[in-house]
Amino acid sequence: MPRNGDETRERIIKAARKLLYRDGVRATSVDAIAEQAGITKRSLYYHFRSKDDLIEAYLTSRDAPNLDWFKDRFDAVDGPISDRISAIFDGLVDVATHPKWRGCGYLRTAGELANMPGHPAIKASSAHKKRLEAWLATEFEAAGLASPEGRARQVVVLIDGAFSVMLVHHDTDYIRAAGEAARIVCSHAD
């Protein structure tokens, strides 16, 4: 076991990412996370005051990598903004077919904690979705689209709708349909 506190904290977060994403926040115990991290529950609580703080850290640790994933898909395509947005949905089709895919960790966590609107994980989920929306708005404004903030919100709704319906139907045609709608949102000049 590493003696470095930062290394131990990262091991805990890595274990939490794996288990909380795979099994959900309510079904995953602190004991299971500690065991996965190779530490005692007492050590876990040395680094995190509560399970709620750990859930927040799990989501916060996913923020930058998830936003980078969206940006990478967008930047990988040259051409009109509608093609670049479409590439994001094409990427979602790819990840949604992976056997370990369980949907959007932010949405799943928010759904599990819906009766706790002030929960730190709800706030972390909201902050992540707002950052995605702000990034899209910046890209839409740079592309000269009218109402970039409104369009960004529409695309986020389509992304999150695609995530949600995939959990119900397990059919990537819904992601493709959301991508077609996003293409239309980004095609109109006014």
Protein backbone atom coordinates (compact mmCIF):
# COMPACT_ATOMS: atom_id res chain seq x y z
CA MET A 1 0.00 0.00 0.00
CA PRO A 2 1.44 3.40 -0.93
CA ARG A 3 2.33 5.64 1.98
CA ASN A 4 1.71 8.76 -0.05
CA GLY A 5 -1.68 10.25 0.84
CA ASP A 6 -2.30 11.54 -2.68
CA GLU A 7 -1.58 8.10 -4.16
CA THR A 8 -3.95 6.47 -1.69
CA ARG A 9 -6.64 9.03 -2.42
CA GLU A 10 -6.26 8.38 -6.16
CA ARG A 11 -6.53 4.62 -5.59
CA ILE A 12 -9.76 5.19 -3.67
CA ILE A 13 -11.19 7.38 -6.43
CA LYS A 14 -10.14 4.85 -9.08
CA ALA A 15 -11.89 2.07 -7.15
CA ALA A 16 -14.96 4.29 -6.69
CA ARG A 17 -15.05 5.11 -10.41
CA LYS A 18 -15.08 1.43 -11.27
CA LEU A 19 -17.66 0.30 -8.73
CA LEU A 20 -19.96 3.32 -8.59
CA TYR A 21 -20.18 3.46 -12.38
CA ARG A 22 -20.69 -0.27 -12.76
CA ASP A 23 -23.09 -0.90 -9.88
CA GLY A 24 -24.53 2.50 -8.94
CA VAL A 25 -24.12 4.67 -5.88
CA ARG A 26 -26.74 3.04 -3.69
CA ALA A 27 -25.69 -0.56 -4.44
CA THR A 28 -21.99 0.11 -3.81
CA SER A 29 -20.82 0.06 -0.21
CA VAL A 30 -17.89 1.92 1.25
CA ASP A 31 -16.58 -1.50 2.30
CA ALA A 32 -16.53 -2.65 -1.33
CA ILE A 33 -14.69 0.48 -2.44
CA ALA A 34 -12.11 0.13 0.34
CA GLU A 35 -11.58 -3.52 -0.57
CA GLN A 36 -11.21 -2.68 -4.28
CA ALA A 37 -8.67 0.03 -3.34
CA GLY A 38 -6.76 -2.38 -1.10
CA ILE A 39 -7.19 -0.30 2.03
CA THR A 40 -9.21 -0.35 5.22
CA LYS A 41 -12.51 1.45 5.59
CA ARG A 42 -10.85 3.60 8.24
CA SER A 43 -8.22 4.70 5.69
CA LEU A 44 -10.97 5.54 3.23
CA TYR A 45 -12.66 7.75 5.82
CA TYR A 46 -9.33 9.41 6.53
CA HIS A 47 -9.41 10.70 2.93
CA PHE A 48 -13.18 11.23 2.56
CA ARG A 49 -15.45 12.42 5.37
CA SER A 50 -18.41 10.48 4.00
CA LYS A 51 -19.65 8.32 1.17
CA ASP A 52 -21.34 11.44 -0.19
CA ASP A 53 -17.97 13.19 -0.45
CA LEU A 54 -16.53 10.15 -2.20
CA ILE A 55 -19.40 10.08 -4.70
CA GLU A 56 -18.78 13.76 -5.43
CA ALA A 57 -15.05 13.07 -5.92
CA TYR A 58 -15.90 10.18 -8.27
CA LEU A 59 -17.98 12.47 -10.47
CA THR A 60 -15.52 15.34 -10.29
CA SER A 61 -12.73 13.00 -11.39
CA ARG A 62 -14.73 12.14 -14.52
CA ASP A 63 -15.42 15.76 -15.49
CA ALA A 64 -12.30 16.71 -17.46
CA PRO A 65 -11.86 13.31 -19.15
CA ASN A 66 -15.50 13.29 -20.26
CA LEU A 67 -15.33 16.83 -21.61
CA ASP A 68 -12.08 15.97 -23.37
CA TRP A 69 -13.80 12.97 -24.96
CA PHE A 70 -16.51 15.23 -26.42
CA LYS A 71 -13.93 17.76 -27.61
CA ASP A 72 -11.79 15.05 -29.20
CA ARG A 73 -14.74 13.71 -31.22
CA PHE A 74 -15.71 17.22 -32.27
CA ASP A 75 -12.15 18.23 -33.22
CA ALA A 76 -11.49 15.01 -35.15
CA VAL A 77 -13.76 16.19 -37.97
CA ASP A 78 -13.15 19.08 -40.33
CA GLY A 79 -16.06 20.74 -42.00
CA PRO A 80 -19.31 22.37 -41.01
CA ILE A 81 -20.38 22.48 -37.38
CA SER A 82 -23.21 20.05 -38.11
CA ASP A 83 -20.68 17.39 -39.18
CA ARG A 84 -18.60 18.03 -36.10
CA ILE A 85 -21.61 17.67 -33.79
CA SER A 86 -22.66 14.55 -35.66
CA ALA A 87 -19.24 13.06 -34.89
CA ILE A 88 -20.01 13.28 -31.18
CA PHE A 89 -23.13 11.17 -31.65
CA ASP A 90 -21.21 8.72 -33.84
CA GLY A 91 -18.75 8.37 -30.96
CA LEU A 92 -21.61 7.79 -28.54
CA VAL A 93 -22.85 4.96 -30.76
CA ASP A 94 -19.40 3.38 -30.50
CA VAL A 95 -19.13 3.65 -26.70
CA ALA A 96 -22.72 2.54 -26.11
CA THR A 97 -21.98 -0.82 -27.71
CA HIS A 98 -19.11 -1.57 -25.33
CA PRO A 99 -20.05 -4.34 -22.87
CA LYS A 100 -18.98 -2.24 -19.85
CA TRP A 101 -21.03 0.79 -20.89
CA ARG A 102 -23.69 1.71 -18.34
CA GLY A 103 -24.78 5.08 -19.65
CA CYS A 104 -23.92 8.49 -18.32
CA GLY A 105 -22.57 8.26 -14.79
CA TYR A 106 -23.81 11.76 -14.03
CA LEU A 107 -27.38 11.02 -15.08
CA ARG A 108 -27.44 7.65 -13.37
CA THR A 109 -26.14 9.15 -10.13
CA ALA A 110 -28.57 12.06 -10.30
CA GLY A 111 -31.40 9.60 -10.88
CA GLU A 112 -30.42 7.56 -7.84
CA LEU A 113 -30.21 10.70 -5.70
CA ALA A 114 -33.18 12.57 -7.19
CA ASN A 115 -34.82 12.93 -3.79
CA MET A 116 -31.72 14.77 -2.50
CA PRO A 117 -31.44 17.90 -4.69
CA GLY A 118 -28.73 19.50 -2.51
CA HIS A 119 -26.49 16.43 -2.56
CA PRO A 120 -22.90 17.25 -3.56
CA ALA A 121 -23.08 14.66 -6.36
CA ILE A 122 -26.15 16.38 -7.83
CA LYS A 123 -24.22 19.65 -7.78
CA ALA A 124 -21.19 17.98 -9.42
CA SER A 125 -23.45 16.49 -12.10
CA SER A 126 -25.08 19.84 -12.77
CA ALA A 127 -21.70 21.58 -12.98
CA HIS A 128 -20.45 19.01 -15.49
CA LYS A 129 -23.51 19.36 -17.71
CA LYS A 130 -23.24 23.16 -17.54
CA ARG A 131 -19.57 22.98 -18.60
CA LEU A 132 -20.51 20.79 -21.57
CA GLU A 133 -23.24 23.24 -22.52
CA ALA A 134 -20.90 26.25 -22.17
CA TRP A 135 -18.25 24.58 -24.33
CA LEU A 136 -20.83 23.83 -27.03
CA ALA A 137 -22.11 27.41 -26.89
CA THR A 138 -18.54 28.69 -27.38
CA GLU A 139 -18.08 26.43 -30.41
CA PHE A 140 -21.44 27.46 -31.87
CA GLU A 141 -20.66 31.13 -31.38
CA ALA A 142 -17.25 30.69 -33.04
CA ALA A 143 -19.01 29.02 -35.99
CA GLY A 144 -21.29 32.01 -36.34
CA LEU A 145 -24.52 30.26 -35.36
CA ALA A 146 -27.32 32.45 -34.06
CA SER A 147 -28.51 31.74 -30.51
CA PRO A 148 -25.47 29.66 -29.54
CA GLU A 149 -26.58 29.21 -25.92
CA GLY A 150 -30.03 27.99 -26.93
CA ARG A 151 -28.62 25.60 -29.50
CA ALA A 152 -26.09 24.29 -26.98
CA ARG A 153 -28.89 23.56 -24.54
CA GLN A 154 -30.83 21.73 -27.27
CA VAL A 155 -27.81 19.58 -28.13
CA VAL A 156 -27.22 18.75 -24.45
CA VAL A 157 -30.86 17.69 -24.18
CA LEU A 158 -30.35 15.46 -27.23
CA ILE A 159 -27.16 13.96 -25.79
CA ASP A 160 -28.75 13.27 -22.42
CA GLY A 161 -31.92 11.99 -24.07
CA ALA A 162 -29.83 9.58 -26.12
CA PHE A 163 -28.09 8.37 -22.96
CA SER A 164 -31.39 7.87 -21.18
CA VAL A 165 -33.23 6.05 -23.95
CA MET A 166 -30.24 3.77 -24.49
CA LEU A 167 -30.61 2.58 -20.91
CA VAL A 168 -34.20 1.61 -21.67
CA HIS A 169 -33.95 0.19 -25.19
CA HIS A 170 -30.27 -0.70 -25.69
CA ASP A 171 -30.73 0.34 -29.32
CA THR A 172 -28.18 2.69 -30.86
CA ASP A 173 -30.72 3.81 -33.47
CA TYR A 174 -31.93 6.24 -30.78
CA ILE A 175 -28.47 7.79 -30.55
CA ARG A 176 -28.37 8.06 -34.34
CA ALA A 177 -31.80 9.75 -34.31
CA ALA A 178 -30.60 12.22 -31.67
CA GLY A 179 -27.51 12.87 -33.82
CA GLU A 180 -29.72 13.63 -36.83
CA ALA A 181 -31.75 16.06 -34.71
CA ALA A 182 -28.53 17.71 -33.45
CA ARG A 183 -27.34 18.04 -37.03
CA ILE A 184 -30.55 19.93 -37.86
CA VAL A 185 -30.17 22.15 -34.76
CA CYS A 186 -26.66 23.07 -35.93
CA SER A 187 -27.52 23.44 -39.62
CA HIS A 188 -29.90 26.36 -39.48
CA ALA A 189 -28.31 29.76 -39.66
CA ASP A 190 -31.08 31.48 -37.69
